[in-house]
């Protein structure tokens, strides 16, 4: 059964959906650990950028501007695929294929949750977690060596 994609009618609606369905719910991974998402990570999840092509540094201020209607979806300043796939984070957090130590040098988490939502040749979708704070990542290439050391199963 195909996973649900988020309807991208507006950035305000997407943020509201994210907060209600991802941030403000009790999500538990397969080990029973709580997995939490923060509103500030929405900006990274959708790959929102400023006019210079950089991710905004003051995420709290950007969230306020989104809520007030000052920021909208602008072609080229966010990733529509990543934004529409935000609902997949719930399944990834609660039903990962495996959990591995963080292999990304600049990653903020201790663990990577990995789930293949495609085929063996399609890339996987992953999330870093250091419980309770995490960042959602959308790696499209996960190498076998990176999955060799697993925390779970």
Protein backbone atom coordinates (compact mmCIF):
# COMPACT_ATOMS: atom_id res chain seq x y z
CA UNK A 1 0.00 0.00 0.00
CA UNK A 2 1.53 3.35 -0.98
CA UNK A 3 2.36 5.70 1.84
CA UNK A 4 0.40 8.89 2.24
CA UNK A 5 1.90 12.05 0.81
CA UNK A 6 1.19 15.44 2.32
CA UNK A 7 -0.93 17.73 0.16
CA UNK A 8 1.13 20.91 -0.22
CA UNK A 9 -1.61 23.54 -0.39
CA UNK A 10 0.35 26.04 1.71
CA UNK A 11 3.41 26.12 3.92
CA UNK A 12 1.21 27.14 6.85
CA UNK A 13 -0.99 24.04 6.39
CA UNK A 14 2.08 21.81 6.04
CA UNK A 15 3.59 23.19 9.26
CA UNK A 16 0.29 22.79 11.09
CA UNK A 17 -0.04 19.18 9.90
CA UNK A 18 3.58 18.45 10.91
CA UNK A 19 3.09 19.85 14.40
CA UNK A 20 -0.24 18.09 14.99
CA UNK A 21 0.68 14.69 13.54
CA UNK A 22 4.42 14.38 14.07
CA UNK A 23 5.50 16.71 16.89
CA UNK A 24 2.52 16.54 19.24
CA UNK A 25 2.07 12.78 19.36
CA UNK A 26 3.67 10.01 21.41
CA UNK A 27 5.75 8.04 18.90
CA UNK A 28 7.62 4.92 20.06
CA UNK A 29 10.25 3.04 18.09
CA UNK A 30 10.40 -0.75 17.95
CA UNK A 31 12.42 -0.82 21.17
CA UNK A 32 9.80 1.23 23.03
CA UNK A 33 11.92 4.41 23.10
CA UNK A 34 10.04 7.66 22.58
CA UNK A 35 10.96 9.48 19.37
CA UNK A 36 10.31 13.21 19.40
CA UNK A 37 10.24 15.78 16.65
CA UNK A 38 10.61 19.50 17.25
CA UNK A 39 8.79 22.16 15.25
CA UNK A 40 12.10 23.84 14.39
CA UNK A 41 13.16 20.80 12.39
CA UNK A 42 10.34 21.41 9.89
CA UNK A 43 12.59 23.92 8.10
CA UNK A 44 15.27 21.29 7.55
CA UNK A 45 12.76 18.57 6.71
CA UNK A 46 11.39 20.52 3.75
CA UNK A 47 14.82 21.94 2.88
CA UNK A 48 13.58 25.52 3.13
CA UNK A 49 16.17 28.05 1.98
CA UNK A 50 16.48 31.81 1.96
CA UNK A 51 17.07 33.91 -1.16
CA UNK A 52 20.78 33.06 -0.96
CA UNK A 53 20.10 29.31 -1.11
CA UNK A 54 21.04 28.71 2.55
CA UNK A 55 18.96 27.15 5.30
CA UNK A 56 17.85 29.91 7.70
CA UNK A 57 19.78 29.97 10.97
CA UNK A 58 17.04 31.39 13.21
CA UNK A 59 14.48 28.63 12.84
CA UNK A 60 12.18 29.95 15.58
CA UNK A 61 11.85 33.30 13.79
CA UNK A 62 11.18 31.56 10.47
CA UNK A 63 8.43 29.47 12.07
CA UNK A 64 6.79 32.66 13.34
CA UNK A 65 6.98 34.16 9.85
CA UNK A 66 5.41 31.01 8.38
CA UNK A 67 2.59 31.09 10.92
CA UNK A 68 1.96 34.80 10.28
CA UNK A 69 1.77 34.25 6.52
CA UNK A 70 4.97 36.13 5.65
CA UNK A 71 6.64 33.02 4.20
CA UNK A 72 5.08 30.90 1.46
CA UNK A 73 6.15 27.98 -0.70
CA UNK A 74 8.35 29.46 -3.43
CA UNK A 75 9.58 27.24 -6.24
CA UNK A 76 13.30 26.57 -5.84
CA UNK A 77 13.34 27.60 -2.16
CA UNK A 78 12.09 24.28 -0.73
CA UNK A 79 12.05 20.64 -1.76
CA UNK A 80 8.49 19.59 -2.70
CA UNK A 81 9.37 15.88 -2.58
CA UNK A 82 10.76 16.11 0.94
CA UNK A 83 7.85 18.26 2.05
CA UNK A 84 5.26 15.85 0.67
CA UNK A 85 7.03 12.87 2.29
CA UNK A 86 6.88 14.29 5.84
CA UNK A 87 4.11 11.82 6.86
CA UNK A 88 6.59 9.00 6.22
CA UNK A 89 8.50 10.11 9.31
CA UNK A 90 5.87 8.51 11.55
CA UNK A 91 6.30 5.07 9.97
CA UNK A 92 10.06 5.47 9.85
CA UNK A 93 10.21 6.30 13.56
CA UNK A 94 7.80 3.56 14.64
CA UNK A 95 8.63 0.80 12.12
CA UNK A 96 12.24 1.13 10.92
CA UNK A 97 13.95 -1.67 9.02
CA UNK A 98 16.99 -1.09 11.21
CA UNK A 99 18.60 1.40 13.55
CA UNK A 100 22.32 2.09 13.14
CA UNK A 101 24.88 4.31 14.82
CA UNK A 102 25.12 7.74 13.20
CA UNK A 103 27.56 7.58 10.30
CA UNK A 104 27.30 11.22 9.26
CA UNK A 105 30.14 13.44 10.41
CA UNK A 106 27.96 16.55 10.67
CA UNK A 107 24.85 14.76 11.88
CA UNK A 108 23.25 15.86 15.11
CA UNK A 109 21.98 12.51 16.30
CA UNK A 110 23.38 9.37 17.88
CA UNK A 111 21.41 6.93 15.73
CA UNK A 112 20.06 6.64 12.19
CA UNK A 113 16.65 5.10 11.63
CA UNK A 114 16.58 3.44 8.21
CA UNK A 115 13.63 2.21 6.20
CA UNK A 116 13.48 1.37 2.54
CA UNK A 117 10.23 2.73 1.14
CA UNK A 118 11.07 1.60 -2.37
CA UNK A 119 12.84 -1.33 -3.92
CA UNK A 120 16.26 -2.77 -3.29
CA UNK A 121 17.63 -0.45 -5.97
CA UNK A 122 15.69 2.62 -4.83
CA UNK A 123 17.19 4.68 -2.09
CA UNK A 124 16.12 4.57 1.52
CA UNK A 125 14.66 7.23 3.75
CA UNK A 126 16.41 7.84 7.03
CA UNK A 127 16.25 9.83 10.20
CA UNK A 128 18.85 10.70 12.78
CA UNK A 129 17.83 10.42 16.37
CA UNK A 130 19.46 11.16 19.65
CA UNK A 131 16.19 10.97 21.53
CA UNK A 132 14.56 13.32 22.29
CA UNK A 133 15.89 15.74 19.64
CA UNK A 134 16.30 14.65 16.08
CA UNK A 135 16.60 15.72 12.55
CA UNK A 136 14.91 14.11 9.64
CA UNK A 137 17.13 13.22 6.75
CA UNK A 138 16.24 11.94 3.34
CA UNK A 139 19.34 10.08 2.17
CA UNK A 140 18.78 8.50 -1.21
CA UNK A 141 21.92 6.37 -1.07
CA UNK A 142 22.64 4.23 1.94
CA UNK A 143 25.68 2.02 1.52
CA UNK A 144 25.92 -1.54 2.82
CA UNK A 145 28.96 -0.70 4.96
CA UNK A 146 26.94 2.01 6.74
CA UNK A 147 24.28 -0.55 7.65
CA UNK A 148 26.78 -3.22 8.77
CA UNK A 149 26.79 -2.07 12.41
CA UNK A 150 23.27 -2.06 13.74
CA UNK A 151 21.84 -0.98 17.07
CA UNK A 152 18.58 -2.77 16.20
CA UNK A 153 17.69 -5.54 15.21
